Amino acid sequence: MAPSRLKALVRPITSRPIGARIVGGKGKFELALWERRLRADTDNSDYGPFMLNMAGEPDAAFLEGKIVADFGCGPRGSLAWASGAALRIGIDVLADRYFETFTDTVLTHDMVYLKSTERVIPLPSDFVDVMFTLNAIDHVDDFPLMCQEIVRVIKPGGVFVGSFNLEEPASSTEPQRLNERLISRHLLDLLDVQTYRITGKPVRGEVYAPFFDRLLPYEPGAEGFLWVRAAKPGPSTATPSSRT
């Protein structure tokens, strides 16, 4: 059954058309949306069951002693639940602004918030054991380049777990309109796919509920969501320990 607060996990979005003028740019607008979100709700307890479902894992044991990261993490402590990890890294172009704006909140997360740029993730190659991303990679300016960066920082045999919005019209904060072909070409073709789940966008109710209810109808070309678990080719590639 789907958690009751799935909408709280969706990153701020805007329906304004791409090219619309935003004073201070994309980052300032997203920061203002996060500020409104955190004023309304600082509870981040739903991230754990949500991200475990994405990964196809029954619990957080697969993260024990691992370096875990979340690309496009936002300021709500998306990895605070992964207490057994050796290191939890939130990667975001606004990471420094999160500390300035939401200091008291982010200091409780026991995470490293790392400022990325639109061209490079400032981590060594082959560094991360498990990389999550949730409704974030369509926010980047250069999709192919940032896909290469994500793969670069994952260890050989390390795991990528991602949630993607499909066929969502581009906007000022989400300049990428993603589809299965683009995601495969620039990201999944570089990895060994382990699980691949896709669903249409529900007309009503919680947007991610079909993944929890295992009702996954999808018509190619329609708006929807894709959940993928994949591994970077290497000697220690692991498979999910439970449901797919």
C-alpha atoms as a PDB file:
ATOM      1  CA  MET A   1       0.000   0.000   0.000  1.00  0.00           C
ATOM      2  CA  ALA A   2       1.279   3.455  -0.875  1.00  0.00           C
ATOM      3  CA  PRO A   3       2.422   5.804   1.914  1.00  0.00           C
ATOM      4  CA  SER A   4      -0.162   8.484   2.649  1.00  0.00           C
ATOM      5  CA  ARG A   5       2.193  11.400   2.001  1.00  0.00           C
ATOM      6  CA  LEU A   6       3.695  10.651  -1.412  1.00  0.00           C
ATOM      7  CA  LYS A   7       3.030  14.158  -2.677  1.00  0.00           C
ATOM      8  CA  ALA A   8       5.486  15.484  -0.083  1.00  0.00           C
ATOM      9  CA  LEU A   9       8.272  13.643  -1.919  1.00  0.00           C
ATOM     10  CA  VAL A  10       7.728  15.361  -5.261  1.00  0.00           C
ATOM     11  CA  ARG A  11      10.247  18.112  -5.961  1.00  0.00           C
ATOM     12  CA  PRO A  12       8.925  21.632  -6.479  1.00  0.00           C
ATOM     13  CA  ILE A  13       7.850  22.205 -10.063  1.00  0.00           C
ATOM     14  CA  THR A  14       6.409  25.036 -12.086  1.00  0.00           C
ATOM     15  CA  SER A  15       4.130  24.974 -15.079  1.00  0.00           C
ATOM     16  CA  ARG A  16       5.527  28.230 -16.437  1.00  0.00           C
ATOM     17  CA  PRO A  17       6.796  27.752 -20.004  1.00  0.00           C
ATOM     18  CA  ILE A  18      10.494  27.354 -20.607  1.00  0.00           C
ATOM     19  CA  GLY A  19      12.042  30.725 -21.342  1.00  0.00           C
ATOM     20  CA  ALA A  20       9.738  32.538 -18.914  1.00  0.00           C
ATOM     21  CA  ARG A  21      11.684  35.186 -17.027  1.00  0.00           C
ATOM     22  CA  ILE A  22      12.398  34.428 -13.384  1.00  0.00           C
ATOM     23  CA  VAL A  23      14.244  37.089 -11.416  1.00  0.00           C
ATOM     24  CA  GLY A  24      17.424  35.480 -10.081  1.00  0.00           C
ATOM     25  CA  GLY A  25      17.074  32.438 -12.350  1.00  0.00           C
ATOM     26  CA  LYS A  26      16.004  28.833 -11.916  1.00  0.00           C
ATOM     27  CA  GLY A  27      17.792  28.356  -8.593  1.00  0.00           C
ATOM     28  CA  LYS A  28      16.146  31.305  -6.864  1.00  0.00           C
ATOM     29  CA  PHE A  29      12.705  30.173  -7.957  1.00  0.00           C
ATOM     30  CA  GLU A  30      13.268  26.584  -6.764  1.00  0.00           C
ATOM     31  CA  LEU A  31      14.663  27.813  -3.454  1.00  0.00           C
ATOM     32  CA  ALA A  32      11.510  29.860  -2.863  1.00  0.00           C
ATOM     33  CA  LEU A  33       9.351  26.794  -3.580  1.00  0.00           C
ATOM     34  CA  TRP A  34      11.375  24.674  -1.141  1.00  0.00           C
ATOM     35  CA  GLU A  35      11.005  27.401   1.468  1.00  0.00           C
ATOM     36  CA  ARG A  36       7.220  27.258   1.171  1.00  0.00           C
ATOM     37  CA  ARG A  37       7.345  23.455   1.310  1.00  0.00           C
ATOM     38  CA  LEU A  38       9.431  23.361   4.487  1.00  0.00           C
ATOM     39  CA  ARG A  39       7.295  25.958   6.203  1.00  0.00           C
ATOM     40  CA  ALA A  40       4.342  23.643   5.636  1.00  0.00           C
ATOM     41  CA  ASP A  41       6.013  20.293   6.423  1.00  0.00           C
ATOM     42  CA  THR A  42       9.463  19.239   7.660  1.00  0.00           C
ATOM     43  CA  ASP A  43       8.586  15.550   8.141  1.00  0.00           C
ATOM     44  CA  ASN A  44      10.855  13.398   5.943  1.00  0.00           C
ATOM     45  CA  SER A  45       9.807   9.978   7.261  1.00  0.00           C
ATOM     46  CA  ASP A  46       8.309   8.825   3.956  1.00  0.00           C
ATOM     47  CA  TYR A  47      11.617   8.888   2.085  1.00  0.00           C
ATOM     48  CA  GLY A  48      12.722   5.547   3.544  1.00  0.00           C
ATOM     49  CA  PRO A  49       9.829   3.307   2.427  1.00  0.00           C
ATOM     50  CA  PHE A  50       9.591   5.197  -0.850  1.00  0.00           C
ATOM     51  CA  MET A  51      13.246   4.843  -1.837  1.00  0.00           C
ATOM     52  CA  LEU A  52      13.392   1.238  -0.647  1.00  0.00           C
ATOM     53  CA  ASN A  53      10.470   0.442  -2.947  1.00  0.00           C
ATOM     54  CA  MET A  54      12.323   2.137  -5.797  1.00  0.00           C
ATOM     55  CA  ALA A  55      15.339  -0.071  -5.071  1.00  0.00           C
ATOM     56  CA  GLY A  56      13.297  -3.262  -4.655  1.00  0.00           C
ATOM     57  CA  GLU A  57      14.603  -3.815  -1.137  1.00  0.00           C
ATOM     58  CA  PRO A  58      12.640  -4.844   1.996  1.00  0.00           C
ATOM     59  CA  ASP A  59      14.837  -2.808   4.357  1.00  0.00           C
ATOM     60  CA  ALA A  60      17.978  -0.687   4.519  1.00  0.00           C
ATOM     61  CA  ALA A  61      20.377  -3.593   5.161  1.00  0.00           C
ATOM     62  CA  PHE A  62      21.795  -3.333   1.619  1.00  0.00           C
ATOM     63  CA  LEU A  63      23.149   0.131   2.515  1.00  0.00           C
ATOM     64  CA  GLU A  64      25.066  -0.975   5.625  1.00  0.00           C
ATOM     65  CA  GLY A  65      28.597   0.421   5.536  1.00  0.00           C
ATOM     66  CA  LYS A  66      28.060   1.885   2.037  1.00  0.00           C
ATOM     67  CA  ILE A  67      28.575   5.360   0.600  1.00  0.00           C
ATOM     68  CA  VAL A  68      25.086   6.461  -0.449  1.00  0.00           C
ATOM     69  CA  ALA A  69      24.182   9.573  -2.438  1.00  0.00           C
ATOM     70  CA  ASP A  70      21.047  11.298  -3.702  1.00  0.00           C
ATOM     71  CA  PHE A  71      21.404  13.421  -6.835  1.00  0.00           C
ATOM     72  CA  GLY A  72      19.105  16.459  -6.698  1.00  0.00           C
ATOM     73  CA  CYS A  73      18.332  15.818  -3.049  1.00  0.00           C
ATOM     74  CA  GLY A  74      16.600  19.026  -1.985  1.00  0.00           C
ATOM     75  CA  PRO A  75      16.786  20.219   1.657  1.00  0.00           C
ATOM     76  CA  ARG A  76      14.418  17.768   3.381  1.00  0.00           C
ATOM     77  CA  GLY A  77      16.903  15.085   4.466  1.00  0.00           C
ATOM     78  CA  SER A  78      16.145  12.507   1.793  1.00  0.00           C
ATOM     79  CA  LEU A  79      18.763  10.070   3.171  1.00  0.00           C
ATOM     80  CA  ALA A  80      18.252  10.672   6.896  1.00  0.00           C
ATOM     81  CA  TRP A  81      16.578   7.247   7.115  1.00  0.00           C
ATOM     82  CA  ALA A  82      19.699   5.387   5.881  1.00  0.00           C
ATOM     83  CA  SER A  83      21.391   5.396   9.290  1.00  0.00           C
ATOM     84  CA  GLY A  84      23.526   2.321   8.604  1.00  0.00           C
ATOM     85  CA  ALA A  85      25.353   3.902   5.673  1.00  0.00           C
ATOM     86  CA  ALA A  86      28.991   4.839   6.137  1.00  0.00           C
ATOM     87  CA  LEU A  87      28.376   8.194   4.439  1.00  0.00           C
ATOM     88  CA  ARG A  88      25.215   9.913   3.185  1.00  0.00           C
ATOM     89  CA  ILE A  89      25.678  12.587   0.533  1.00  0.00           C
ATOM     90  CA  GLY A  90      22.996  14.929  -0.782  1.00  0.00           C
ATOM     91  CA  ILE A  91      24.098  16.325  -4.157  1.00  0.00           C
ATOM     92  CA  ASP A  92      22.403  19.502  -5.356  1.00  0.00           C
ATOM     93  CA  VAL A  93      23.246  22.729  -7.185  1.00  0.00           C
ATOM     94  CA  LEU A  94      21.610  24.580  -4.283  1.00  0.00           C
ATOM     95  CA  ALA A  95      23.337  22.694  -1.451  1.00  0.00           C
ATOM     96  CA  ASP A  96      25.137  25.767  -0.082  1.00  0.00           C
ATOM     97  CA  ARG A  97      21.917  27.779  -0.185  1.00  0.00           C
ATOM     98  CA  TYR A  98      20.119  25.060   1.762  1.00  0.00           C
ATOM     99  CA  PHE A  99      22.578  25.484   4.618  1.00  0.00           C
ATOM    100  CA  GLU A 100      22.206  29.251   4.520  1.00  0.00           C
ATOM    101  CA  THR A 101      18.419  29.258   4.265  1.00  0.00           C
ATOM    102  CA  PHE A 102      17.360  26.137   6.208  1.00  0.00           C
ATOM    103  CA  THR A 103      20.268  25.872   8.670  1.00  0.00           C
ATOM    104  CA  ASP A 104      18.379  24.487  11.663  1.00  0.00           C
ATOM    105  CA  THR A 105      16.630  21.893   9.493  1.00  0.00           C
ATOM    106  CA  VAL A 106      19.535  20.506   7.456  1.00  0.00           C
ATOM    107  CA  LEU A 107      21.828  20.242  10.478  1.00  0.00           C
ATOM    108  CA  THR A 108      19.521  17.553  11.888  1.00  0.00           C
ATOM    109  CA  HIS A 109      19.851  15.250   8.858  1.00  0.00           C
ATOM    110  CA  ASP A 110      23.314  13.765   9.547  1.00  0.00           C
ATOM    111  CA  MET A 111      24.073  14.145   5.843  1.00  0.00           C
ATOM    112  CA  VAL A 112      26.814  15.808   3.828  1.00  0.00           C
ATOM    113  CA  TYR A 113      25.239  18.321   1.447  1.00  0.00           C
ATOM    114  CA  LEU A 114      27.485  18.695  -1.588  1.00  0.00           C
ATOM    115  CA  LYS A 115      27.133  21.553  -4.065  1.00  0.00           C
ATOM    116  CA  SER A 116      27.177  20.286  -7.633  1.00  0.00           C
ATOM    117  CA  THR A 117      27.443  22.452 -10.723  1.00  0.00           C
ATOM    118  CA  GLU A 118      25.472  22.049 -13.937  1.00  0.00           C
ATOM    119  CA  ARG A 119      28.541  20.363 -15.453  1.00  0.00           C
ATOM    120  CA  VAL A 120      30.335  18.362 -12.768  1.00  0.00           C
ATOM    121  CA  ILE A 121      29.674  16.461  -9.540  1.00  0.00           C
ATOM    122  CA  PRO A 122      32.656  17.274  -7.274  1.00  0.00           C
ATOM    123  CA  LEU A 123      33.381  13.704  -6.210  1.00  0.00           C
ATOM    124  CA  PRO A 124      36.176  11.297  -7.224  1.00  0.00           C
ATOM    125  CA  SER A 125      35.424   8.759  -9.918  1.00  0.00           C
ATOM    126  CA  ASP A 126      34.247   5.316  -8.722  1.00  0.00           C
ATOM    127  CA  PHE A 127      33.303   6.677  -5.264  1.00  0.00           C
ATOM    128  CA  VAL A 128      29.592   6.032  -4.560  1.00  0.00           C
ATOM    129  CA  ASP A 129      28.169   2.582  -3.766  1.00  0.00           C
ATOM    130  CA  VAL A 130      24.485   3.480  -4.231  1.00  0.00           C
ATOM    131  CA  MET A 131      23.196   6.533  -6.110  1.00  0.00           C
ATOM    132  CA  PHE A 132      19.549   7.553  -5.850  1.00  0.00           C
ATOM    133  CA  THR A 133      17.769  10.254  -7.818  1.00  0.00           C
ATOM    134  CA  LEU A 134      14.103  11.163  -7.458  1.00  0.00           C
ATOM    135  CA  ASN A 135      12.357  13.446  -9.933  1.00  0.00           C
ATOM    136  CA  ALA A 136      15.512  15.534 -10.233  1.00  0.00           C
ATOM    137  CA  ILE A 137      17.472  14.866 -13.396  1.00  0.00           C
ATOM    138  CA  ASP A 138      14.951  16.664 -15.616  1.00  0.00           C
ATOM    139  CA  HIS A 139      15.967  19.823 -13.704  1.00  0.00           C
ATOM    140  CA  VAL A 140      19.511  19.838 -15.152  1.00  0.00           C
ATOM    141  CA  ASP A 141      20.585  22.037 -18.060  1.00  0.00           C
ATOM    142  CA  ASP A 142      22.675  19.365 -19.844  1.00  0.00           C
ATOM    143  CA  PHE A 143      21.070  15.939 -19.512  1.00  0.00           C
ATOM    144  CA  PRO A 144      23.686  13.836 -21.393  1.00  0.00           C
ATOM    145  CA  LEU A 145      26.582  15.417 -19.497  1.00  0.00           C
ATOM    146  CA  MET A 146      25.037  14.952 -16.049  1.00  0.00           C
ATOM    147  CA  CYS A 147      24.165  11.337 -16.861  1.00  0.00           C
ATOM    148  CA  GLN A 148      27.858  10.782 -17.612  1.00  0.00           C
ATOM    149  CA  GLU A 149      28.763  12.422 -14.303  1.00  0.00           C
ATOM    150  CA  ILE A 150      26.374  10.218 -12.334  1.00  0.00           C
ATOM    151  CA  VAL A 151      27.850   7.087 -13.900  1.00  0.00           C
ATOM    152  CA  ARG A 152      31.405   8.369 -13.395  1.00  0.00           C
ATOM    153  CA  VAL A 153      31.078   8.730  -9.615  1.00  0.00           C
ATOM    154  CA  ILE A 154      29.420   5.325  -9.064  1.00  0.00           C
ATOM    155  CA  LYS A 155      31.813   2.495  -8.210  1.00  0.00           C
ATOM    156  CA  PRO A 156      32.130  -0.452 -10.604  1.00  0.00           C
ATOM    157  CA  GLY A 157      29.470  -2.846  -9.364  1.00  0.00           C
ATOM    158  CA  GLY A 158      27.698   0.029  -7.611  1.00  0.00           C
ATOM    159  CA  VAL A 159      23.961   0.595  -7.891  1.00  0.00           C
ATOM    160  CA  PHE A 160      21.896   3.357  -9.486  1.00  0.00           C
ATOM    161  CA  VAL A 161      18.244   3.780  -8.421  1.00  0.00           C
ATOM    162  CA  GLY A 162      16.225   6.405 -10.255  1.00  0.00           C
ATOM    163  CA  SER A 163      12.729   7.822 -10.656  1.00  0.00           C
ATOM    164  CA  PHE A 164      12.063   9.764 -13.862  1.00  0.00           C
ATOM    165  CA  ASN A 165       9.148  11.879 -15.057  1.00  0.00           C
ATOM    166  CA  LEU A 166       8.277  10.861 -18.626  1.00  0.00           C
ATOM    167  CA  GLU A 167       6.948  13.166 -21.355  1.00  0.00           C
ATOM    168  CA  GLU A 168       6.400  16.023 -18.912  1.00  0.00           C
ATOM    169  CA  PRO A 169       6.487  19.324 -20.839  1.00  0.00           C
ATOM    170  CA  ALA A 170       9.651  21.334 -20.313  1.00  0.00           C
ATOM    171  CA  SER A 171       9.422  24.300 -17.971  1.00  0.00           C
ATOM    172  CA  SER A 172      11.680  27.002 -16.607  1.00  0.00           C
ATOM    173  CA  THR A 173      12.843  24.821 -13.692  1.00  0.00           C
ATOM    174  CA  GLU A 174      12.600  21.464 -15.521  1.00  0.00           C
ATOM    175  CA  PRO A 175      14.148  22.146 -18.939  1.00  0.00           C
ATOM    176  CA  GLN A 176      14.323  18.456 -19.947  1.00  0.00           C
ATOM    177  CA  ARG A 177      11.384  16.592 -21.475  1.00  0.00           C
ATOM    178  CA  LEU A 178      12.447  13.002 -20.869  1.00  0.00           C
ATOM    179  CA  ASN A 179      11.318   9.804 -22.543  1.00  0.00           C
ATOM    180  CA  GLU A 180      12.430   6.172 -22.511  1.00  0.00           C
ATOM    181  CA  ARG A 181      14.656   6.591 -25.558  1.00  0.00           C
ATOM    182  CA  LEU A 182      16.622   9.523 -24.115  1.00  0.00           C
ATOM    183  CA  ILE A 183      17.026   7.872 -20.720  1.00  0.00           C
ATOM    184  CA  SER A 184      18.252   4.643 -22.314  1.00  0.00           C
ATOM    185  CA  ARG A 185      20.617   6.368 -24.729  1.00  0.00           C
ATOM    186  CA  HIS A 186      22.325   8.669 -22.245  1.00  0.00           C
ATOM    187  CA  LEU A 187      22.134   6.687 -19.000  1.00  0.00           C
ATOM    188  CA  LEU A 188      20.834   3.120 -19.014  1.00  0.00           C
ATOM    189  CA  ASP A 189      22.952   2.025 -21.981  1.00  0.00           C
ATOM    190  CA  LEU A 190      25.952   2.699 -19.713  1.00  0.00           C
ATOM    191  CA  LEU A 191      24.582   0.445 -16.960  1.00  0.00           C
ATOM    192  CA  ASP A 192      23.258  -3.076 -16.458  1.00  0.00           C
ATOM    193  CA  VAL A 193      19.511  -2.729 -15.863  1.00  0.00           C
ATOM    194  CA  GLN A 194      18.183  -4.933 -13.058  1.00  0.00           C
ATOM    195  CA  THR A 195      14.583  -3.728 -12.675  1.00  0.00           C
ATOM    196  CA  TYR A 196      12.495  -1.497 -14.946  1.00  0.00           C
ATOM    197  CA  ARG A 197       9.005  -0.357 -13.906  1.00  0.00           C
ATOM    198  CA  ILE A 198       6.878   2.158 -15.763  1.00  0.00           C
ATOM    199  CA  THR A 199       3.392   3.561 -15.219  1.00  0.00           C
ATOM    200  CA  GLY A 200       1.130   6.225 -16.612  1.00  0.00           C
ATOM    201  CA  LYS A 201       0.353   9.384 -14.665  1.00  0.00           C
ATOM    202  CA  PRO A 202      -2.757   8.750 -12.532  1.00  0.00           C
ATOM    203  CA  VAL A 203      -5.731  10.998 -13.245  1.00  0.00           C
ATOM    204  CA  ARG A 204      -6.376  11.346  -9.511  1.00  0.00           C
ATOM    205  CA  GLY A 205      -4.866  10.291  -6.195  1.00  0.00           C
ATOM    206  CA  GLU A 206      -1.215   9.922  -5.253  1.00  0.00           C
ATOM    207  CA  VAL A 207       0.997  10.096  -8.321  1.00  0.00           C
ATOM    208  CA  TYR A 208       3.298   7.201  -7.324  1.00  0.00           C
ATOM    209  CA  ALA A 209       0.604   4.922  -5.902  1.00  0.00           C
ATOM    210  CA  PRO A 210       0.663   2.538  -8.937  1.00  0.00           C
ATOM    211  CA  PHE A 211       4.188   1.421  -8.004  1.00  0.00           C
ATOM    212  CA  PHE A 212       3.043   0.414  -4.532  1.00  0.00           C
ATOM    213  CA  ASP A 213      -0.210  -1.137  -5.720  1.00  0.00           C
ATOM    214  CA  ARG A 214       1.624  -2.918  -8.583  1.00  0.00           C
ATOM    215  CA  LEU A 215      -0.812  -1.549 -11.138  1.00  0.00           C
ATOM    216  CA  LEU A 216       1.462  -0.337 -13.909  1.00  0.00           C
ATOM    217  CA  PRO A 217      -0.445   0.488 -17.086  1.00  0.00           C
ATOM    218  CA  TYR A 218       1.425   2.731 -19.530  1.00  0.00           C
ATOM    219  CA  GLU A 219       0.834   3.930 -23.072  1.00  0.00           C
ATOM    220  CA  PRO A 220       4.083   4.916 -24.873  1.00  0.00           C
ATOM    221  CA  GLY A 221       4.267   8.647 -25.454  1.00  0.00           C
ATOM    222  CA  ALA A 222       1.954   9.521 -22.569  1.00  0.00           C
ATOM    223  CA  GLU A 223       3.016  11.281 -19.379  1.00  0.00           C
ATOM    224  CA  GLY A 224       4.151   8.825 -16.749  1.00  0.00           C
ATOM    225  CA  PHE A 225       6.885   7.690 -14.402  1.00  0.00           C
ATOM    226  CA  LEU A 226       9.797   5.276 -14.745  1.00  0.00           C
ATOM    227  CA  TRP A 227      11.550   3.528 -11.845  1.00  0.00           C
ATOM    228  CA  VAL A 228      14.850   1.847 -12.638  1.00  0.00           C
ATOM    229  CA  ARG A 229      17.472  -0.034 -10.676  1.00  0.00           C
ATOM    230  CA  ALA A 230      20.722  -0.660 -12.543  1.00  0.00           C
ATOM    231  CA  ALA A 231      24.368  -1.406 -11.806  1.00  0.00           C
ATOM    232  CA  LYS A 232      27.592   0.001 -13.166  1.00  0.00           C
ATOM    233  CA  PRO A 233      29.452  -2.840 -14.860  1.00  0.00           C
ATOM    234  CA  GLY A 234      32.059  -4.266 -12.534  1.00  0.00           C
ATOM    235  CA  PRO A 235      32.999  -7.250 -10.378  1.00  0.00           C
ATOM    236  CA  SER A 236      30.703  -6.582  -7.396  1.00  0.00           C
ATOM    237  CA  THR A 237      27.395  -6.028  -9.182  1.00  0.00           C
ATOM    238  CA  ALA A 238      24.526  -7.027  -6.844  1.00  0.00           C
ATOM    239  CA  THR A 239      20.928  -7.895  -7.620  1.00  0.00           C
ATOM    240  CA  PRO A 240      17.904  -6.760  -5.601  1.00  0.00           C
ATOM    241  CA  SER A 241      17.271  -8.925  -2.574  1.00  0.00           C
ATOM    242  CA  SER A 242      13.489  -8.912  -2.989  1.00  0.00           C
ATOM    243  CA  ARG A 243      10.541  -7.682  -5.024  1.00  0.00           C
ATOM    244  CA  THR A 244      10.923  -6.232  -8.509  1.00  0.00           C
END
